[in-house]
């Protein structure tokens, strides 16, 4: 039976661990959060992801998945820890390095180590160099012939709310330090991935991940910039985009209050950090999307100053519709900024989250009863279903186009 040790039980690590366990592999999950470890061993997922809790409960009950505070001996090691931005928007790889140091003592010849965390180009090769220093008794791929272990990189391609389905159904790009490493990692993923598993070198796979998210960021930035141009021209941007997209070779995305999530709002900076002179468009796209949240907040603040004492109700705090994920959310940034600027006037409606520090939350019905300023920041299904009669008499700032025609002007 293949033994798998997954280090980091977040939005990627835990689903991978559960899927592997469900395919007959013995999985050891590792996390520094004691509450996560205890909950998992009790058969509970800490993530609000559809179907994950049921799968976790089943594989834990079957004894195929257990959680631990430290890496356990295994055949395959998967590192899925955060790689956030540090000061100056530089990639922070400290968690990856800590994970590698933790697993190094239990490595034996024949092991496979896979990095899943989003990383700058060259990170996987750098881990090989680290391992050479940590375990001089092992022959490391890329540094010695006849390597004792395999080392590879495989980025995730998932959408929150559909993580399990996409981990199984999407194509995967597996990059090895050597072709043999890529083949070993591909063999692991092919046990639970129905999409095509594509092999390449590690550096290419690292840049593939960053390129995918930078591409999306640039296209969203175009839509957000056009929304600002349309606003200045007095044109309905939603109608503008609908008509422009009738061109057979035009497909403009929908604008919003900015860009959030753990990937698109972060990953392009990895490219900018590595190639600042070349990545001019990518940098500008990030700046455009970050500025959109500033613009929306200023727009609402101007209305609030023109309507002294008027209540402000923010609809939606998640980074995208119909999920509870608040990571890098521009909606949350806007709501918190308004609450700080206009104390006592701001509440939020977020049906997917029970509580948010620093913000008062109301249910949808109570939120719609308030007067004053309505700010639509996330087009959750519940908000799209709101009858237009419920919005009459409010000053509406609509960043998503779901309440069109009630712009407050």
Protein backbone atom coordinates (compact mmCIF):
# COMPACT_ATOMS: atom_id res chain seq x y z
CA UNK A 1 0.00 0.00 0.00
CA UNK A 2 1.38 3.40 -0.99
CA UNK A 3 1.96 5.71 1.97
CA UNK A 4 1.50 9.45 1.41
CA UNK A 5 2.45 12.28 3.75
CA UNK A 6 0.75 15.61 2.97
CA UNK A 7 2.29 18.60 4.74
CA UNK A 8 -0.16 21.49 5.06
CA UNK A 9 -3.87 20.72 5.40
CA UNK A 10 -5.33 23.85 3.87
CA UNK A 11 -7.52 24.33 0.80
CA UNK A 12 -5.24 22.15 -1.33
CA UNK A 13 -3.50 19.80 1.08
CA UNK A 14 -6.57 18.42 2.80
CA UNK A 15 -8.51 17.68 -0.42
CA UNK A 16 -5.44 15.94 -1.88
CA UNK A 17 -5.03 13.93 1.31
CA UNK A 18 -8.69 12.90 1.32
CA UNK A 19 -8.72 11.99 -2.38
CA UNK A 20 -5.55 9.91 -2.09
CA UNK A 21 -6.97 8.11 0.95
CA UNK A 22 -10.18 7.48 -0.95
CA UNK A 23 -8.15 5.81 -3.71
CA UNK A 24 -6.66 3.27 -1.32
CA UNK A 25 -3.50 5.07 -0.24
CA UNK A 26 -2.55 5.33 3.43
CA UNK A 27 -2.31 9.06 4.09
CA UNK A 28 -0.72 11.00 6.93
CA UNK A 29 -1.80 14.64 7.07
CA UNK A 30 0.51 17.11 8.80
CA UNK A 31 -0.38 20.57 10.09
CA UNK A 32 0.98 23.00 12.66
CA UNK A 33 -2.54 23.89 13.83
CA UNK A 34 -3.46 21.57 16.67
CA UNK A 35 -7.17 22.27 16.24
CA UNK A 36 -7.00 21.18 12.60
CA UNK A 37 -5.19 17.96 13.56
CA UNK A 38 -7.67 17.16 16.36
CA UNK A 39 -10.70 17.91 14.19
CA UNK A 40 -9.41 15.80 11.32
CA UNK A 41 -8.72 12.85 13.58
CA UNK A 42 -12.32 13.18 14.78
CA UNK A 43 -13.44 12.94 11.15
CA UNK A 44 -14.19 16.64 10.62
CA UNK A 45 -12.99 18.96 7.89
CA UNK A 46 -12.27 22.55 8.89
CA UNK A 47 -12.86 23.83 5.34
CA UNK A 48 -16.28 24.95 4.01
CA UNK A 49 -15.87 22.98 0.79
CA UNK A 50 -18.76 20.95 -0.69
CA UNK A 51 -18.48 17.17 -0.21
CA UNK A 52 -15.12 17.41 1.54
CA UNK A 53 -16.47 16.86 5.04
CA UNK A 54 -18.22 13.64 4.00
CA UNK A 55 -15.13 12.30 2.25
CA UNK A 56 -12.91 13.16 5.22
CA UNK A 57 -15.30 11.48 7.62
CA UNK A 58 -15.33 8.31 5.54
CA UNK A 59 -11.57 7.92 5.01
CA UNK A 60 -10.82 8.75 8.65
CA UNK A 61 -13.36 6.16 9.80
CA UNK A 62 -11.72 3.61 7.47
CA UNK A 63 -8.31 4.34 9.00
CA UNK A 64 -6.88 5.54 5.69
CA UNK A 65 -6.30 9.14 6.82
CA UNK A 66 -4.85 10.37 10.11
CA UNK A 67 -3.49 13.77 11.09
CA UNK A 68 -0.21 14.50 12.85
CA UNK A 69 1.92 17.38 14.08
CA UNK A 70 5.07 16.13 12.33
CA UNK A 71 5.88 14.28 9.08
CA UNK A 72 5.61 10.50 9.14
CA UNK A 73 7.64 7.99 7.09
CA UNK A 74 6.01 7.57 3.69
CA UNK A 75 6.60 6.78 0.02
CA UNK A 76 5.30 10.10 -1.31
CA UNK A 77 5.59 13.52 0.35
CA UNK A 78 3.42 16.40 -0.83
CA UNK A 79 4.20 19.93 0.36
CA UNK A 80 1.10 22.15 0.21
CA UNK A 81 1.88 25.04 2.54
CA UNK A 82 1.19 28.77 2.05
CA UNK A 83 3.53 30.97 0.03
CA UNK A 84 2.24 34.47 0.81
CA UNK A 85 3.72 37.79 -0.15
CA UNK A 86 6.24 39.30 2.25
CA UNK A 87 7.10 42.96 2.63
CA UNK A 88 7.67 44.64 -0.71
CA UNK A 89 5.41 42.08 -2.42
CA UNK A 90 8.17 39.51 -2.52
CA UNK A 91 7.41 35.77 -2.39
CA UNK A 92 7.85 34.29 1.08
CA UNK A 93 9.03 30.69 0.96
CA UNK A 94 9.69 30.24 4.67
CA UNK A 95 6.82 27.77 5.12
CA UNK A 96 8.11 25.62 2.24
CA UNK A 97 11.60 25.56 3.73
CA UNK A 98 10.26 24.67 7.18
CA UNK A 99 8.27 21.80 5.64
CA UNK A 100 11.34 20.48 3.81
CA UNK A 101 13.46 20.60 6.95
CA UNK A 102 10.73 18.74 8.83
CA UNK A 103 10.41 15.91 6.30
CA UNK A 104 14.12 15.55 5.49
CA UNK A 105 14.94 13.29 8.47
CA UNK A 106 12.35 10.66 7.46
CA UNK A 107 13.33 10.48 3.79
CA UNK A 108 14.68 7.18 2.50
CA UNK A 109 15.87 6.10 -0.97
CA UNK A 110 12.96 5.59 -3.32
CA UNK A 111 10.86 8.45 -1.89
CA UNK A 112 9.06 11.01 -4.04
CA UNK A 113 8.81 14.66 -2.90
CA UNK A 114 6.28 16.90 -4.66
CA UNK A 115 5.88 20.63 -4.14
CA UNK A 116 2.32 21.87 -4.75
CA UNK A 117 2.66 25.35 -3.24
CA UNK A 118 2.66 28.21 -5.74
CA UNK A 119 6.31 29.16 -6.07
CA UNK A 120 8.74 31.29 -8.09
CA UNK A 121 10.65 29.67 -10.92
CA UNK A 122 13.61 27.73 -9.56
CA UNK A 123 12.06 26.90 -6.18
CA UNK A 124 11.93 23.15 -6.77
CA UNK A 125 15.57 23.06 -7.88
CA UNK A 126 16.41 25.11 -4.79
CA UNK A 127 14.75 22.49 -2.61
CA UNK A 128 17.06 19.91 -4.14
CA UNK A 129 20.04 21.99 -3.11
CA UNK A 130 18.60 22.36 0.39
CA UNK A 131 18.11 18.61 0.64
CA UNK A 132 21.69 18.04 -0.41
CA UNK A 133 22.78 20.01 2.62
CA UNK A 134 20.23 18.46 4.98
CA UNK A 135 20.80 14.87 3.83
CA UNK A 136 24.31 14.49 2.37
CA UNK A 137 23.80 10.72 2.49
CA UNK A 138 21.18 10.93 -0.27
CA UNK A 139 21.88 11.43 -3.98
CA UNK A 140 19.64 14.34 -5.07
CA UNK A 141 18.23 14.54 -8.62
CA UNK A 142 19.87 17.20 -10.71
CA UNK A 143 22.92 17.12 -8.47
CA UNK A 144 23.98 13.48 -8.68
CA UNK A 145 23.65 10.56 -11.05
CA UNK A 146 21.47 7.65 -9.99
CA UNK A 147 19.41 9.81 -7.62
CA UNK A 148 17.97 8.19 -4.50
CA UNK A 149 14.78 10.26 -4.45
CA UNK A 150 12.49 11.95 -6.98
CA UNK A 151 11.70 15.66 -6.76
CA UNK A 152 8.90 17.37 -8.70
CA UNK A 153 6.52 20.31 -8.86
CA UNK A 154 2.79 20.10 -9.61
CA UNK A 155 0.62 23.22 -9.26
CA UNK A 156 -3.07 22.98 -8.46
CA UNK A 157 -5.78 24.28 -10.78
CA UNK A 158 -8.94 24.50 -8.69
CA UNK A 159 -11.90 26.74 -8.08
CA UNK A 160 -13.12 27.19 -4.49
CA UNK A 161 -16.50 25.54 -4.19
CA UNK A 162 -15.45 22.87 -6.71
CA UNK A 163 -12.07 21.80 -5.35
CA UNK A 164 -12.67 18.05 -5.20
CA UNK A 165 -14.24 17.90 -8.66
CA UNK A 166 -11.48 19.98 -10.22
CA UNK A 167 -8.63 18.13 -8.51
CA UNK A 168 -9.97 15.00 -10.18
CA UNK A 169 -11.23 16.35 -13.49
CA UNK A 170 -8.72 19.02 -14.51
CA UNK A 171 -5.54 18.38 -16.48
CA UNK A 172 -2.38 18.59 -14.37
CA UNK A 173 1.07 19.84 -15.27
CA UNK A 174 3.82 17.82 -13.55
CA UNK A 175 7.36 19.14 -13.68
CA UNK A 176 10.29 17.03 -12.60
CA UNK A 177 13.86 17.94 -11.82
CA UNK A 178 14.61 15.12 -14.28
CA UNK A 179 12.34 13.19 -16.67
CA UNK A 180 12.44 10.27 -14.25
CA UNK A 181 11.17 12.57 -11.47
CA UNK A 182 8.34 13.79 -13.70
CA UNK A 183 7.38 10.21 -14.51
CA UNK A 184 7.32 9.27 -10.82
CA UNK A 185 5.13 12.24 -9.89
CA UNK A 186 2.82 11.66 -12.85
CA UNK A 187 2.31 8.09 -11.67
CA UNK A 188 1.13 9.38 -8.29
CA UNK A 189 -1.39 11.86 -9.74
CA UNK A 190 -2.70 9.40 -12.30
CA UNK A 191 -4.05 7.31 -9.41
CA UNK A 192 -6.77 9.89 -8.69
CA UNK A 193 -6.75 12.42 -11.57
CA UNK A 194 -9.02 11.72 -14.54
CA UNK A 195 -7.73 14.70 -16.53
CA UNK A 196 -4.57 14.40 -18.58
CA UNK A 197 -1.33 14.49 -16.58
CA UNK A 198 1.18 16.45 -18.66
CA UNK A 199 4.92 16.11 -18.01
CA UNK A 200 7.58 18.80 -18.30
CA UNK A 201 10.55 20.14 -16.34
CA UNK A 202 10.07 21.75 -12.93
CA UNK A 203 10.87 25.32 -13.99
CA UNK A 204 8.29 25.18 -16.77
CA UNK A 205 5.62 23.84 -14.39
CA UNK A 206 6.38 26.61 -11.90
CA UNK A 207 6.00 29.28 -14.58
CA UNK A 208 2.88 27.61 -15.99
CA UNK A 209 1.08 28.15 -12.69
CA UNK A 210 2.13 31.79 -12.46
CA UNK A 211 1.30 32.43 -16.11
CA UNK A 212 -2.22 31.03 -15.82
CA UNK A 213 -3.12 33.39 -13.00
CA UNK A 214 -1.31 36.38 -14.48
CA UNK A 215 -3.27 35.86 -17.72
CA UNK A 216 -6.55 35.98 -15.82
CA UNK A 217 -5.43 39.00 -13.81
CA UNK A 218 -4.50 40.95 -16.94
CA UNK A 219 -7.86 40.22 -18.56
CA UNK A 220 -9.78 41.23 -15.44
CA UNK A 221 -7.70 44.41 -15.27
CA UNK A 222 -8.82 45.31 -18.80
CA UNK A 223 -12.47 44.93 -17.75
CA UNK A 224 -11.91 46.98 -14.59
CA UNK A 225 -10.11 49.72 -16.49
CA UNK A 226 -12.85 49.88 -19.10
CA UNK A 227 -15.38 50.20 -16.27
CA UNK A 228 -13.57 53.33 -15.09
CA UNK A 229 -13.48 54.73 -18.62
CA UNK A 230 -17.19 54.00 -19.07
CA UNK A 231 -18.01 55.64 -15.74
CA UNK A 232 -16.25 58.83 -16.81
CA UNK A 233 -18.08 58.76 -20.16
CA UNK A 234 -21.46 58.17 -18.52
CA UNK A 235 -21.84 54.79 -20.25
CA UNK A 236 -23.32 51.60 -18.74
CA UNK A 237 -20.27 49.33 -18.70
CA UNK A 238 -22.36 46.15 -18.57
CA UNK A 239 -24.21 47.09 -21.75
CA UNK A 240 -20.92 48.22 -23.30
CA UNK A 241 -19.29 44.84 -22.66
CA UNK A 242 -22.35 42.92 -23.80
CA UNK A 243 -22.29 44.71 -27.14
CA UNK A 244 -18.50 44.56 -27.57
CA UNK A 245 -18.59 40.81 -26.93
CA UNK A 246 -20.81 40.34 -29.97
CA UNK A 247 -17.62 40.74 -31.98
CA UNK A 248 -16.55 37.19 -32.95
CA UNK A 249 -13.02 37.63 -31.59
CA UNK A 250 -13.75 39.67 -28.45
CA UNK A 251 -14.49 38.18 -25.04
CA UNK A 252 -14.21 40.86 -22.35
CA UNK A 253 -14.63 39.63 -18.79
CA UNK A 254 -16.90 41.26 -16.22
CA UNK A 255 -15.54 44.05 -14.00
CA UNK A 256 -15.84 44.07 -10.23
CA UNK A 257 -14.47 45.78 -7.10
CA UNK A 258 -11.00 44.30 -7.58
CA UNK A 259 -9.46 40.84 -7.56
CA UNK A 260 -9.19 38.47 -4.61
CA UNK A 261 -8.49 34.87 -3.75
CA UNK A 262 -5.32 33.01 -2.89
CA UNK A 263 -4.02 32.87 -6.48
CA UNK A 264 -4.88 35.67 -8.88
CA UNK A 265 -4.31 38.50 -6.41
CA UNK A 266 -0.91 37.12 -5.37
CA UNK A 267 0.76 34.99 -8.04
CA UNK A 268 1.46 37.71 -10.65
CA UNK A 269 3.73 39.44 -8.14
CA UNK A 270 5.96 36.33 -8.21
CA UNK A 271 6.60 37.02 -11.90
CA UNK A 272 7.12 40.74 -11.32
CA UNK A 273 9.60 40.01 -8.53
CA UNK A 274 11.62 37.66 -10.74
CA UNK A 275 11.51 39.76 -13.93
CA UNK A 276 10.65 43.38 -13.06
CA UNK A 277 11.90 44.85 -16.33
CA UNK A 278 10.07 42.35 -18.51
CA UNK A 279 6.78 42.02 -16.59
CA UNK A 280 5.55 45.58 -17.13
CA UNK A 281 2.04 44.67 -18.27
CA UNK A 282 1.63 42.15 -15.46
CA UNK A 283 2.66 44.76 -12.87
CA UNK A 284 0.28 47.32 -14.30
CA UNK A 285 -2.60 44.84 -14.28
CA UNK A 286 -2.00 44.18 -10.59
CA UNK A 287 -1.98 47.92 -9.92
CA UNK A 288 -5.20 48.45 -11.89
CA UNK A 289 -7.01 45.71 -10.02
CA UNK A 290 -5.75 46.88 -6.63
CA UNK A 291 -6.79 50.44 -7.46
CA UNK A 292 -10.33 49.36 -8.35
CA UNK A 293 -11.02 48.60 -4.67
CA UNK A 294 -9.66 52.05 -3.75
CA UNK A 295 -11.92 53.63 -6.37
CA UNK A 296 -15.03 51.82 -5.14
CA UNK A 297 -14.37 52.81 -1.55
CA UNK A 298 -13.88 56.45 -2.60
CA UNK A 299 -17.12 56.30 -4.61
CA UNK A 300 -19.08 55.07 -1.59
CA UNK A 301 -17.33 57.50 0.75
CA UNK A 302 -18.32 60.42 -1.48
CA UNK A 303 -21.96 59.33 -1.32
CA UNK A 304 -21.72 58.87 2.46
CA UNK A 305 -20.36 62.39 2.94
CA UNK A 306 -23.13 63.77 0.72
CA UNK A 307 -25.72 61.90 2.84
CA UNK A 308 -24.62 62.62 6.45
CA UNK A 309 -25.70 59.89 8.85
CA UNK A 310 -27.08 57.63 6.13
CA UNK A 311 -26.56 53.89 6.93
CA UNK A 312 -24.17 51.97 4.66
CA UNK A 313 -24.92 48.31 3.93
CA UNK A 314 -22.27 46.24 2.16
CA UNK A 315 -23.60 43.15 0.40
CA UNK A 316 -20.96 40.42 0.16
CA UNK A 317 -17.51 40.01 1.69
CA UNK A 318 -16.15 36.87 -0.02
CA UNK A 319 -13.70 37.14 -2.89
CA UNK A 320 -16.13 35.51 -5.36
CA UNK A 321 -19.81 34.53 -5.52
CA UNK A 322 -21.34 31.77 -3.43
CA UNK A 323 -18.29 30.78 -1.37
CA UNK A 324 -17.18 31.55 2.19
CA UNK A 325 -13.59 32.30 1.17
CA UNK A 326 -12.39 35.72 2.37
CA UNK A 327 -8.76 35.42 1.28
CA UNK A 328 -7.43 38.62 -0.33
CA UNK A 329 -11.03 39.75 -0.82
CA UNK A 330 -11.39 43.31 -2.16
CA UNK A 331 -14.98 43.32 -0.87
CA UNK A 332 -13.75 42.72 2.67
CA UNK A 333 -11.08 45.40 2.25
CA UNK A 334 -13.69 47.91 1.08
CA UNK A 335 -16.16 47.10 3.85
CA UNK A 336 -13.52 47.33 6.58
CA UNK A 337 -12.20 50.59 5.17
CA UNK A 338 -15.68 52.11 5.12
CA UNK A 339 -16.37 50.90 8.66
CA UNK A 340 -13.20 52.61 9.87
CA UNK A 341 -14.01 55.83 8.01
CA UNK A 342 -17.68 55.96 9.00
CA UNK A 343 -17.94 54.33 12.45
CA UNK A 344 -21.38 53.20 13.49
CA UNK A 345 -22.84 53.50 9.99
CA UNK A 346 -21.57 50.35 8.24
CA UNK A 347 -22.91 46.79 8.41
CA UNK A 348 -22.37 43.87 6.04
CA UNK A 349 -24.53 41.06 4.70
CA UNK A 350 -22.59 37.87 3.96
CA UNK A 351 -24.79 34.75 3.93
CA UNK A 352 -21.81 32.36 3.65
CA UNK A 353 -19.91 33.54 6.74
CA UNK A 354 -21.03 33.45 10.38
CA UNK A 355 -18.79 36.21 11.72
CA UNK A 356 -16.06 38.61 10.58
CA UNK A 357 -13.86 40.41 13.12
CA UNK A 358 -14.41 44.15 13.09
CA UNK A 359 -17.65 44.07 11.11
CA UNK A 360 -21.28 43.81 12.18
CA UNK A 361 -23.13 41.20 10.09
CA UNK A 362 -26.84 41.16 9.38
CA UNK A 363 -29.02 38.62 7.62
CA UNK A 364 -30.26 39.44 4.14
CA UNK A 365 -33.79 40.37 5.21
CA UNK A 366 -32.52 42.71 7.94
CA UNK A 367 -29.96 44.24 5.61
CA UNK A 368 -32.58 45.01 2.98
CA UNK A 369 -34.69 46.79 5.58
CA UNK A 370 -32.01 49.41 6.14
CA UNK A 371 -32.21 52.77 4.44
CA UNK A 372 -29.36 54.80 2.98
CA UNK A 373 -26.57 53.39 0.83
CA UNK A 374 -26.46 49.84 -0.55
CA UNK A 375 -23.09 48.62 -1.86
CA UNK A 376 -23.18 45.39 -3.90
CA UNK A 377 -19.67 43.95 -3.68
CA UNK A 378 -20.29 40.24 -4.43
CA UNK A 379 -23.04 38.89 -6.67
CA UNK A 380 -24.05 35.94 -4.50
CA UNK A 381 -27.08 34.08 -5.87
CA UNK A 382 -29.16 35.33 -2.94
CA UNK A 383 -28.40 38.92 -3.91
CA UNK A 384 -29.11 38.38 -7.60
CA UNK A 385 -32.55 37.11 -6.60
CA UNK A 386 -33.45 40.29 -4.69
CA UNK A 387 -36.53 41.94 -6.20
CA UNK A 388 -35.88 45.40 -7.54
CA UNK A 389 -38.71 46.78 -5.42
CA UNK A 390 -36.55 46.06 -2.34
CA UNK A 391 -33.97 48.56 -3.60
CA UNK A 392 -36.25 51.51 -4.24
CA UNK A 393 -35.25 54.62 -2.33
CA UNK A 394 -31.68 53.48 -1.68
CA UNK A 395 -28.53 54.95 -3.15
CA UNK A 396 -27.07 51.88 -4.87
CA UNK A 397 -23.39 51.38 -5.73
CA UNK A 398 -23.31 48.24 -7.86
CA UNK A 399 -19.85 46.83 -8.59
CA UNK A 400 -21.15 43.61 -10.15
CA UNK A 401 -23.94 44.62 -12.52
CA UNK A 402 -26.60 42.55 -10.75
CA UNK A 403 -28.64 45.57 -9.67
CA UNK A 404 -28.24 47.56 -12.88
CA UNK A 405 -30.44 50.58 -13.40
CA UNK A 406 -30.29 51.61 -9.75
CA UNK A 407 -26.92 53.34 -9.72
CA UNK A 408 -27.96 56.00 -7.22
CA UNK A 409 -27.50 58.76 -9.78
